[in-house]
């Protein structure tokens, strides 16, 4: 019987970046707020956002989420938002300094992993400090995952 995935019932998931775990080693994660307009929030409630190609970059001393796709709101008027605009991430100054220092000093990348609504209905982004994987790292990860799966199957059969 397949094992059920553990999900947090208090979070309403909007979008997830599954490729991030394949392309990067995730070093550390942070929860960040995000500055959105009204039509963006209404559009997110429909759950059609995409963060697969997005990243966080420094703009004017703060972190901004770049290239995240939030489609235009269907019932929006001429004041509707631009789908791929840069959005400010809300973090404490100490966290911003740590992230920017790691990016500049160690050559790491800040990637969004999840986009969700918390229990209070506020949109949040889970961002991670990541190091890029090379092709041989990806192959090794795949080998380890396959071996763990085979090992679990053998242990189940053995009883």
Foldseek 3Di string as FASTA:
>chain_A
DDDDDDDDPQKAFQEFQPCCVLWWDFDDKDKWAWDDDPQLLVQSVVRDKYQNPWFWDDDPLFIKIFQTARDWRPPDDPPTDDGGDIITIHDDSVVSVVLVCCCVPVVWTKGWGTWIAGNVRGIMTMITTTDGDDPVRSVVVVVVVVVVVVVVVVVVVVD
